[in-house]
Amino acid sequence: MLPHEEGNCWQTAIRELCESPCIKLGHNLISFDRWWLAQKGTHLQGEIRDTLAIHHVLDPASAHSLEFLVSRYLWEPWYKDEGQGHDQAKITDWASYQAYCGLDAMCTRELHDILWPQLEARA
């Protein structure tokens, strides 16, 4: 059973995290995830750092997709095609879901750690 199938405990934990004052980090967090969460009644609070937006500021004429940034900055092979996201029901077991989400989090954090200092240097 995946987390979104287990009921309110995951929804409550996600809502509490999103509404806490800590820094939120994601890719396409501003224009996609924030909107999607708001549709579910969860509103992001605190500082938001979006690797797509950060890269857009650093290199406006370039591509900004996660696939492009992973291929340009990281040594990680592209992984999104393996799972296609939990919402497309290709991941059916908890261990695979954790691995997939872990890769998303790891790649986004690594991109942040590369891009954020470049953005700060321009301030």
N, C-alpha and C. Protein backbone atom coordinates (compact mmCIF):
# COMPACT_ATOMS: atom_id res chain seq x y z
N MET A 1 0.84 -1.17 0.00
CA MET A 1 0.00 0.00 0.00
C MET A 1 0.89 1.25 0.00
N LEU A 2 0.58 2.20 -0.85
CA LEU A 2 1.35 3.43 -0.95
C LEU A 2 0.80 4.46 0.03
N PRO A 3 1.62 5.47 0.37
CA PRO A 3 1.22 6.44 1.39
C PRO A 3 -0.10 7.15 1.09
N HIS A 4 -0.35 7.48 -0.16
CA HIS A 4 -1.58 8.19 -0.48
C HIS A 4 -2.81 7.30 -0.33
N GLU A 5 -2.60 6.00 -0.15
CA GLU A 5 -3.71 5.07 0.02
C GLU A 5 -3.98 4.77 1.50
N GLU A 6 -3.10 5.21 2.39
CA GLU A 6 -3.20 4.84 3.78
C GLU A 6 -4.12 5.72 4.62
N GLY A 7 -4.54 6.84 4.09
CA GLY A 7 -5.46 7.67 4.85
C GLY A 7 -4.84 8.95 5.36
N ASN A 8 -5.44 9.47 6.42
CA ASN A 8 -5.14 10.81 6.87
C ASN A 8 -3.80 11.00 7.56
N CYS A 9 -3.15 9.98 8.07
CA CYS A 9 -1.89 10.20 8.80
C CYS A 9 -0.84 10.82 7.89
N TRP A 10 -0.73 10.37 6.64
CA TRP A 10 0.23 10.96 5.72
C TRP A 10 -0.20 12.36 5.32
N GLN A 11 -1.47 12.57 5.09
CA GLN A 11 -1.96 13.89 4.72
C GLN A 11 -1.69 14.90 5.82
N THR A 12 -1.88 14.50 7.07
CA THR A 12 -1.62 15.38 8.20
C THR A 12 -0.14 15.70 8.31
N ALA A 13 0.72 14.71 8.16
CA ALA A 13 2.17 14.91 8.24
C ALA A 13 2.63 15.85 7.13
N ILE A 14 2.15 15.65 5.93
CA ILE A 14 2.54 16.51 4.80
C ILE A 14 2.05 17.93 5.03
N ARG A 15 0.83 18.08 5.48
CA ARG A 15 0.29 19.42 5.74
C ARG A 15 1.11 20.13 6.81
N GLU A 16 1.43 19.44 7.90
CA GLU A 16 2.21 20.06 8.97
C GLU A 16 3.59 20.48 8.48
N LEU A 17 4.23 19.65 7.69
CA LEU A 17 5.54 20.00 7.14
C LEU A 17 5.44 21.21 6.21
N CYS A 18 4.48 21.19 5.30
CA CYS A 18 4.32 22.28 4.34
C CYS A 18 3.99 23.60 5.02
N GLU A 19 3.26 23.55 6.10
CA GLU A 19 2.84 24.78 6.78
C GLU A 19 3.81 25.21 7.87
N SER A 20 4.88 24.46 8.08
CA SER A 20 5.89 24.85 9.06
C SER A 20 6.76 25.97 8.48
N PRO A 21 7.49 26.70 9.33
CA PRO A 21 8.29 27.83 8.83
C PRO A 21 9.63 27.43 8.19
N CYS A 22 9.95 26.15 8.09
CA CYS A 22 11.25 25.73 7.54
C CYS A 22 11.32 26.01 6.03
N ILE A 23 12.53 26.00 5.51
CA ILE A 23 12.74 26.18 4.07
C ILE A 23 12.16 25.00 3.31
N LYS A 24 11.44 25.28 2.24
CA LYS A 24 10.90 24.24 1.37
C LYS A 24 11.74 24.22 0.10
N LEU A 25 12.17 23.06 -0.31
CA LEU A 25 12.99 22.91 -1.50
C LEU A 25 12.31 21.94 -2.45
N GLY A 26 12.25 22.31 -3.71
CA GLY A 26 11.66 21.43 -4.71
C GLY A 26 12.04 21.87 -6.11
N HIS A 27 11.59 21.11 -7.07
CA HIS A 27 11.76 21.48 -8.48
C HIS A 27 10.38 21.68 -9.06
N ASN A 28 10.13 22.87 -9.58
CA ASN A 28 8.81 23.27 -10.07
C ASN A 28 7.82 23.38 -8.91
N LEU A 29 8.34 23.67 -7.77
CA LEU A 29 7.55 23.79 -6.54
C LEU A 29 6.63 25.00 -6.60
N ILE A 30 7.11 26.09 -7.16
CA ILE A 30 6.34 27.33 -7.17
C ILE A 30 5.13 27.22 -8.08
N SER A 31 5.33 26.80 -9.32
CA SER A 31 4.22 26.84 -10.27
C SER A 31 3.39 25.57 -10.34
N PHE A 32 3.92 24.44 -9.88
CA PHE A 32 3.12 23.22 -9.95
C PHE A 32 2.74 22.70 -8.57
N ASP A 33 3.72 22.30 -7.79
CA ASP A 33 3.43 21.65 -6.52
C ASP A 33 2.65 22.55 -5.55
N ARG A 34 3.02 23.83 -5.50
CA ARG A 34 2.31 24.76 -4.60
C ARG A 34 0.84 24.85 -4.99
N TRP A 35 0.58 24.94 -6.28
CA TRP A 35 -0.81 24.99 -6.76
C TRP A 35 -1.56 23.71 -6.41
N TRP A 36 -0.91 22.57 -6.68
CA TRP A 36 -1.54 21.28 -6.42
C TRP A 36 -1.85 21.11 -4.94
N LEU A 37 -0.91 21.45 -4.09
CA LEU A 37 -1.13 21.36 -2.64
C LEU A 37 -2.26 22.26 -2.20
N ALA A 38 -2.33 23.47 -2.76
CA ALA A 38 -3.41 24.40 -2.41
C ALA A 38 -4.78 23.83 -2.78
N GLN A 39 -4.84 23.09 -3.88
CA GLN A 39 -6.10 22.46 -4.27
C GLN A 39 -6.56 21.44 -3.23
N LYS A 40 -5.60 20.89 -2.49
CA LYS A 40 -5.89 19.91 -1.44
C LYS A 40 -6.00 20.57 -0.06
N GLY A 41 -5.94 21.92 -0.03
CA GLY A 41 -6.10 22.63 1.24
C GLY A 41 -4.82 22.83 2.03
N THR A 42 -3.66 22.59 1.41
CA THR A 42 -2.38 22.77 2.09
C THR A 42 -1.67 23.96 1.45
N HIS A 43 -1.21 24.89 2.29
CA HIS A 43 -0.57 26.11 1.80
C HIS A 43 0.86 26.18 2.32
N LEU A 44 1.80 26.32 1.39
CA LEU A 44 3.21 26.37 1.77
C LEU A 44 3.50 27.65 2.55
N GLN A 45 4.25 27.50 3.62
CA GLN A 45 4.68 28.62 4.44
C GLN A 45 6.20 28.57 4.50
N GLY A 46 6.82 29.65 4.88
CA GLY A 46 8.26 29.69 4.98
C GLY A 46 8.90 29.98 3.63
N GLU A 47 10.21 29.99 3.62
CA GLU A 47 10.97 30.27 2.40
C GLU A 47 10.84 29.11 1.42
N ILE A 48 10.65 29.44 0.15
CA ILE A 48 10.53 28.43 -0.90
C ILE A 48 11.72 28.58 -1.84
N ARG A 49 12.44 27.49 -2.04
CA ARG A 49 13.55 27.46 -2.99
C ARG A 49 13.21 26.44 -4.07
N ASP A 50 13.11 26.92 -5.28
CA ASP A 50 12.68 26.12 -6.42
C ASP A 50 13.84 26.03 -7.42
N THR A 51 14.38 24.83 -7.62
CA THR A 51 15.54 24.69 -8.50
C THR A 51 15.22 25.09 -9.94
N LEU A 52 13.99 24.91 -10.38
CA LEU A 52 13.61 25.35 -11.72
C LEU A 52 13.70 26.88 -11.80
N ALA A 53 13.15 27.57 -10.82
CA ALA A 53 13.18 29.04 -10.81
C ALA A 53 14.60 29.57 -10.64
N ILE A 54 15.38 28.92 -9.77
CA ILE A 54 16.77 29.34 -9.55
C ILE A 54 17.54 29.24 -10.86
N HIS A 55 17.40 28.11 -11.56
CA HIS A 55 18.13 27.94 -12.81
C HIS A 55 17.64 28.92 -13.87
N HIS A 56 16.37 29.23 -13.85
CA HIS A 56 15.82 30.19 -14.81
C HIS A 56 16.49 31.55 -14.62
N VAL A 57 16.70 31.95 -13.39
CA VAL A 57 17.39 33.22 -13.12
C VAL A 57 18.84 33.16 -13.60
N LEU A 58 19.50 32.04 -13.34
CA LEU A 58 20.91 31.91 -13.68
C LEU A 58 21.15 31.81 -15.19
N ASP A 59 20.23 31.15 -15.90
CA ASP A 59 20.42 30.90 -17.33
C ASP A 59 19.07 30.94 -18.03
N PRO A 60 18.53 32.15 -18.23
CA PRO A 60 17.15 32.28 -18.75
C PRO A 60 16.90 31.61 -20.10
N ALA A 61 17.91 31.54 -20.95
CA ALA A 61 17.71 31.01 -22.31
C ALA A 61 17.82 29.50 -22.38
N SER A 62 18.18 28.86 -21.30
CA SER A 62 18.39 27.41 -21.28
C SER A 62 17.11 26.67 -20.92
N ALA A 63 17.15 25.36 -21.07
CA ALA A 63 16.06 24.51 -20.58
C ALA A 63 16.14 24.43 -19.05
N HIS A 64 15.04 24.14 -18.39
CA HIS A 64 15.01 24.13 -16.93
C HIS A 64 14.36 22.87 -16.36
N SER A 65 14.03 21.92 -17.19
CA SER A 65 13.38 20.70 -16.70
C SER A 65 14.33 19.95 -15.77
N LEU A 66 13.76 19.13 -14.91
CA LEU A 66 14.58 18.32 -14.02
C LEU A 66 15.47 17.39 -14.84
N GLU A 67 14.94 16.83 -15.90
CA GLU A 67 15.73 15.94 -16.75
C GLU A 67 16.95 16.67 -17.31
N PHE A 68 16.76 17.90 -17.80
CA PHE A 68 17.88 18.66 -18.35
C PHE A 68 18.90 18.98 -17.26
N LEU A 69 18.44 19.45 -16.11
CA LEU A 69 19.36 19.84 -15.05
C LEU A 69 20.13 18.65 -14.50
N VAL A 70 19.46 17.51 -14.35
CA VAL A 70 20.15 16.31 -13.87
C VAL A 70 21.23 15.91 -14.89
N SER A 71 20.91 15.97 -16.17
CA SER A 71 21.89 15.58 -17.19
C SER A 71 23.05 16.57 -17.27
N ARG A 72 22.79 17.82 -16.98
CA ARG A 72 23.83 18.85 -17.09
C ARG A 72 24.74 18.93 -15.87
N TYR A 73 24.17 18.76 -14.68
CA TYR A 73 24.92 19.02 -13.46
C TYR A 73 25.28 17.79 -12.62
N LEU A 74 24.56 16.71 -12.78
CA LEU A 74 24.74 15.56 -11.88
C LEU A 74 25.24 14.34 -12.64
N TRP A 75 25.76 13.40 -11.91
CA TRP A 75 26.22 12.13 -12.47
C TRP A 75 25.15 11.05 -12.38
N GLU A 76 23.97 11.44 -12.03
CA GLU A 76 22.87 10.49 -11.84
C GLU A 76 22.21 10.17 -13.18
N PRO A 77 22.07 8.90 -13.56
CA PRO A 77 21.32 8.58 -14.78
C PRO A 77 19.84 8.95 -14.60
N TRP A 78 19.20 9.27 -15.70
CA TRP A 78 17.79 9.69 -15.63
C TRP A 78 16.94 8.54 -15.15
N TYR A 79 16.08 8.81 -14.19
CA TYR A 79 15.33 7.78 -13.47
C TYR A 79 13.82 7.93 -13.57
N LYS A 80 13.34 9.07 -14.00
CA LYS A 80 11.90 9.32 -13.97
C LYS A 80 11.09 8.35 -14.83
N ASP A 81 11.67 7.88 -15.91
CA ASP A 81 10.95 6.96 -16.78
C ASP A 81 10.68 5.61 -16.10
N GLU A 82 11.48 5.29 -15.09
CA GLU A 82 11.30 4.02 -14.38
C GLU A 82 9.98 3.97 -13.62
N GLY A 83 9.58 5.09 -13.09
CA GLY A 83 8.40 5.08 -12.25
C GLY A 83 7.22 5.84 -12.81
N GLN A 84 7.49 6.88 -13.55
CA GLN A 84 6.45 7.74 -14.10
C GLN A 84 5.56 8.33 -13.02
N GLY A 85 6.02 8.36 -11.79
CA GLY A 85 5.25 8.99 -10.72
C GLY A 85 4.21 8.08 -10.12
N HIS A 86 3.96 8.28 -8.84
CA HIS A 86 2.98 7.44 -8.15
C HIS A 86 1.58 7.64 -8.69
N ASP A 87 1.31 8.79 -9.27
CA ASP A 87 -0.04 9.08 -9.75
C ASP A 87 -0.36 8.31 -11.04
N GLN A 88 0.62 7.70 -11.66
CA GLN A 88 0.36 6.93 -12.87
C GLN A 88 0.37 5.43 -12.61
N ALA A 89 0.41 5.05 -11.35
CA ALA A 89 0.22 3.66 -10.90
C ALA A 89 1.23 2.67 -11.46
N LYS A 90 2.41 3.12 -11.84
CA LYS A 90 3.44 2.17 -12.26
C LYS A 90 4.25 1.68 -11.07
N ILE A 91 4.26 2.43 -10.00
CA ILE A 91 4.94 2.02 -8.77
C ILE A 91 3.88 1.44 -7.86
N THR A 92 4.02 0.18 -7.52
CA THR A 92 2.97 -0.47 -6.75
C THR A 92 3.42 -0.99 -5.39
N ASP A 93 4.73 -0.87 -5.10
CA ASP A 93 5.17 -1.35 -3.79
C ASP A 93 5.92 -0.23 -3.06
N TRP A 94 5.90 -0.32 -1.75
CA TRP A 94 6.43 0.72 -0.88
C TRP A 94 7.93 0.93 -1.09
N ALA A 95 8.72 -0.12 -1.23
CA ALA A 95 10.18 0.02 -1.41
C ALA A 95 10.50 0.76 -2.70
N SER A 96 9.82 0.46 -3.78
CA SER A 96 10.05 1.16 -5.05
C SER A 96 9.63 2.62 -4.95
N TYR A 97 8.53 2.86 -4.27
CA TYR A 97 8.06 4.23 -4.06
C TYR A 97 9.08 5.04 -3.28
N GLN A 98 9.63 4.45 -2.22
CA GLN A 98 10.64 5.13 -1.42
C GLN A 98 11.89 5.43 -2.25
N ALA A 99 12.33 4.47 -3.04
CA ALA A 99 13.53 4.66 -3.87
C ALA A 99 13.31 5.78 -4.89
N TYR A 100 12.16 5.77 -5.52
CA TYR A 100 11.82 6.78 -6.52
C TYR A 100 11.78 8.17 -5.89
N CYS A 101 11.09 8.29 -4.78
CA CYS A 101 10.99 9.59 -4.10
C CYS A 101 12.35 10.01 -3.56
N GLY A 102 13.14 9.05 -3.11
CA GLY A 102 14.48 9.35 -2.63
C GLY A 102 15.36 9.92 -3.72
N LEU A 103 15.27 9.37 -4.92
CA LEU A 103 16.04 9.91 -6.05
C LEU A 103 15.60 11.33 -6.38
N ASP A 104 14.31 11.57 -6.37
CA ASP A 104 13.79 12.92 -6.60
C ASP A 104 14.37 13.89 -5.57
N ALA A 105 14.30 13.52 -4.32
CA ALA A 105 14.78 14.40 -3.24
C ALA A 105 16.29 14.60 -3.36
N MET A 106 17.02 13.52 -3.60
CA MET A 106 18.47 13.60 -3.68
C MET A 106 18.91 14.49 -4.85
N CYS A 107 18.32 14.28 -6.02
CA CYS A 107 18.70 15.07 -7.19
C CYS A 107 18.35 16.55 -7.00
N THR A 108 17.19 16.82 -6.44
CA THR A 108 16.78 18.20 -6.21
C THR A 108 17.72 18.87 -5.21
N ARG A 109 18.06 18.16 -4.14
CA ARG A 109 18.99 18.73 -3.15
C ARG A 109 20.36 18.96 -3.75
N GLU A 110 20.87 18.01 -4.53
CA GLU A 110 22.18 18.20 -5.16
C GLU A 110 22.16 19.38 -6.13
N LEU A 111 21.10 19.52 -6.89
CA LEU A 111 20.98 20.67 -7.79
C LEU A 111 20.96 21.97 -6.99
N HIS A 112 20.21 21.99 -5.92
CA HIS A 112 20.16 23.18 -5.06
C HIS A 112 21.55 23.54 -4.57
N ASP A 113 22.30 22.54 -4.11
CA ASP A 113 23.62 22.80 -3.55
C ASP A 113 24.61 23.29 -4.60
N ILE A 114 24.35 23.03 -5.87
CA ILE A 114 25.18 23.54 -6.96
C ILE A 114 24.71 24.93 -7.38
N LEU A 115 23.39 25.10 -7.52
CA LEU A 115 22.84 26.34 -8.08
C LEU A 115 22.71 27.48 -7.07
N TRP A 116 22.37 27.16 -5.84
CA TRP A 116 22.12 28.21 -4.84
C TRP A 116 23.34 29.12 -4.63
N PRO A 117 24.56 28.57 -4.47
CA PRO A 117 25.72 29.46 -4.32
C PRO A 117 25.94 30.38 -5.53
N GLN A 118 25.62 29.88 -6.71
CA GLN A 118 25.74 30.72 -7.91
C GLN A 118 24.76 31.88 -7.85
N LEU A 119 23.55 31.60 -7.38
CA LEU A 119 22.54 32.65 -7.25
C LEU A 119 22.95 33.66 -6.18
N GLU A 120 23.44 33.17 -5.04
CA GLU A 120 23.89 34.06 -3.98
C GLU A 120 25.04 34.95 -4.44
N ALA A 121 25.92 34.42 -5.27
CA ALA A 121 27.06 35.18 -5.76
C ALA A 121 26.63 36.37 -6.63
N ARG A 122 25.44 36.28 -7.20
CA ARG A 122 24.94 37.36 -8.05
C ARG A 122 24.22 38.44 -7.26
N ALA A 123 23.91 38.16 -6.00
CA ALA A 123 23.13 39.13 -5.20
C ALA A 123 23.95 40.33 -4.79
